[in-house]
Amino acid sequence: MAHFDTEYQRLEASYSDSPPGEENLLMHVPEGTKSQWHHIENLDLFFQRVYNLHQKNGFTCMLLGEIFELIQLLFVVGFTVFLANCVDYDVLFANKFVNHTDSSKVTLPDAFLPMDVCSARIRDNAFVIFVLIISGVFWLHRLVKFIYNVCCYWEIRSFYINALKMTMSELPYATWQEVQARIIEIQKEHQICIHKKELTELDIYHRILRFKNYMVAMVNKSLLPVRFRLPVLGESVFYTRGLKYNFELIFFWGPGSLFENEWSLKPEYKRGGNRLELADRLASRILWIGIANLLLCPVILVWQILYAFFSYTEVIKREPGSLGARCWSLYGRCYLRHFNELDHELMSRLSKGYKAASKYMNCFLSPLLTVVAKNVAFFAGSLLAVLIALTIYDEDVLAVEHVLSSITLLGVCITLCRSFIPDKHMVFCPEQLLRVVLAHIHYMPDHWQGNAHRYETRDQFSQLFQYKAVFILEELLSPVVTPIILIFCLRRKSLEIIDFFRNFTVEVVGVGDTCSFAQMDIRQHGHPAWMSEGKTEASIYQQAEDGKTELSLMHFAITNPHWQPPLETTHFISQLKERVHREATGAPSDTHPLSLSESEPRSLVANLLAGPSTLASVHFGRDGSLTNHAATGISDGASALRSLSPISSSLHLRGSLSAIHRASGLTSKAMAGSGTDARTVSSGSSAWEGQLTSLVLSEYASTEMSIHALYMHELHKQQSRTELSRHTWHRRESDESSDSIPDEVRSEPNPHSKNFPRSHTFPTTMASPSSVPTSNSATNNTPMGQEGAKSHSSSQRRHSGPATDHFGSGGKVAKSVRVPMGGWAEDGPTAPRHHEPLPEESSEDEMPPRIHKVT
């Protein structure tokens, strides 16, 4: 058991981002100098409120939003009950004659029932009484929460004004990087965190995104969400806001969750000895929460239908084609999210890729459906033209029954048909469009490249970028489907979930328990195929899929240029910078057409994506080396990267910004004479100028990350091609030899491995010695405090057996295929997840978790 189980670990120097010698420093502040914000107990909640108040543009906007949400809830419930019990629809539809003494015209109040009749109908309806009671309890809960939030956010408002020296009127024009920089600066004065002398950007991100990083990691490792294979639709993903709420309730903050508070995992989940008992307990808890969802399903379903009706009816009437528009799905937002990426950063990145994604999906409009839509639109338009002409000639035509309804329905039909008719000027170029999308979303499965024209790629991309109508339909079905998923699907993964949280949770000094993937450590979770070869000791089980670690690291470093990463991370970034610089200096000319001078940043991306000398023109020779043409192609991207680099060409960037300022009538003096980084502090003399400067700098940073993502994807693709060409003969021979082995031999148990239950994400087999890193640091269990201890990451491996090379029980390699958009799956039937009961554990598993001190 000990060979496969890595205990919960405590990290100090390497991941604490503390200055040397100050890792365990507790600050002593005299009583007279302590401020109101000294030693904030729950920094997670504090930083989340600081971030939320910034995103909601100040206290007043946040307060009004909360008030209108309470009023909206009362309106939806009250108006629905009124329409169901207090309206005489026979009078409204002119099926009943109303006697009038003064006028023969029927008015709207004539359709309202008297108050006593209305109240009697409400009292006699048990379902309405039940709905009102549930709604009243929920509204009172929201009211108490609202009062509590107002008190808490008033303190946050005071923190902005008194500590950060920012008024609420300035907050909408300030970037989050500026707020974050001021928080880091006041740490030295107020000591809001007493465990560390200085805060870093990564500390703040960890506290705001602690639970979201876990969710991103579980999606990346294909643990969540649950996938279905439906008869007609094929493989599909169901992930809604209601299901996400239940996941967070089960894992993080609900009663009996895995965390005992905002920042600490419960001690029993940090040991592997009682993993089966914990898995059974988690499965039982999931079952009860699923039953609770099933009991509340009617109420939640009615609420979802009413809320969708009141929210989308006016939008559909005004813009019927809005249902044919697309949006990023909730699963897509979680799959495409970097580790340590805030909400506004994610939505900004996805919004920039929206148009290209829409154009890509529009390339696959069915020609047959287009012909049908054109003819239906012609016939509907003809009828609508006649009705409109008759109405213009004599408005009494509208008094004819169903004429107005027919005009409305015909207009909706025409609008819907137009959404299925492609633009006649559109050019079919899916590969280029998908590459433009990749520049913004940063993630793409390997098998999509070169297959952008295939409907399989389009169907998989539609899981990330779905129709708005599908999104609404999934939210309406969520109350019904959610309990089914919880009871019948998620319970089966309870053991995998327990293993995940134990194997991928580390304690960071001054921060608490965090997801180890959020550390963005190349050695622990890097992937050899993503520029991490020779730098990572991670097995396949530990590796983040799709280059998530490497891309997240580059995104965080670019977004936070003042962040000082650990030593190993610095080596990775510096090596990438050196490689870019070396290849850029080998370019044919110094003045590259892609270099930025006074052009818009987006044009750089467009030029990099299109044209003969882009990264797409890179080809490897037979020996794996770059040919001259390939070197030119990568040099193009490298030159663009160097021109955007804030380290190697900050003067060039400042000159470009000065040119933009001159073009917009602003003085270039705003960008001069400042030692601070321009991305962090707005240097304009007014709020508008500072906002413009921040916008321009944000565009440059976004462009820089886009080119980095394209550059890394291209290198990954070329490395995969090289490895494929090198090992084609060897793999073919291995496949043929493995196919000739009888099934009886393959199914023989490995005498060297213990028989104990394993989950899907837990290491399942022993890898051959050749697949294990040969360095002593990967296998040595020497305490880290000794002089002969190796590098810190070797002692932090989540399990000592790199089991996901998928070696069979007889030592043969088992065939494995890559699951679309993350994860691994074996060909053929999968082994059952629950085996024989676990034998009695040794006393070692009952001991407290090992505490590793990394030096």
Foldseek 3Di string as FASTA:
>chain_A
DQQFFFFFAAEWDAQQLFPPPQGQFFDDDDPVQADPLAADPQVLVVLLLLVVCLVLLHLVSVLVVLVVVLVVLVCLLVVVLCVVQFFQVCVVVVVDQDDDDPDRDDDRCVRTHDPVRRVVRCVVDPVSVVLVVVSVVVSVVSVVVSVVVSVVSVVSQVCCCPQVVDHSNLSNLADVLQVVVSVQVCCCRNVSFRRHNTDFPLLSLCSNCFPLLVLLQCVLAVVDDDWDQDPPLGIAHFDAPVLVVVVCCQAPDHVPHQAPDSFAGDQVLRFDQCLVVQLVVSLVVLLVVLVVLVVCLVSLLVVLVSVCCVPCVVVCLVQVCQLVAKDFDPSLLSLLDFQSADPVRSVVLQVVLRVLLRLLLLLPQDPVLLVVLVVLLVVLVVVLVVLVVVCVVPVCSVVPPCSVVSNSVSVSSNSNSVSSHDDPPDDNDQQLSVLSSCLRSLFFDPVCHPVSVDVVNSSVVCSRMPGPNVNSVSSSCCSVVSSVCSNPPSSQCSSVVSLQQNLQWYQYRSRHIGGNLSSLQCQQANDCLQQSNVPHQYFPLRHRPRRSSVLSLLLVCLLNVVGDRGDSSVVSVVVVLVVLVVLLVVAPDDDAPLADAQDALVVSVVVQSDDDQHLVQWAADLVRHTDPSNSNHSSNLSSNLQSLDCPNPVVRVLNNVQSVCVVVVHHSVQSPDDPDDCLNDQSDPDSVSSSVSNVRSVSSSSSSSSSVSVSSVSSSSSVVVNVCSVCVVVVVVLVVVVVPDDPVLLPDAAPVDDDAFDAPSRQDEAADPVVRDPDPLQQDCPAQVDPPHDADSSSSRSRSGSRPQCQTRNRRHFDWDADGSHHIDGPDDDDRRHDDHGPNDDCVSVDRTDYGYGD
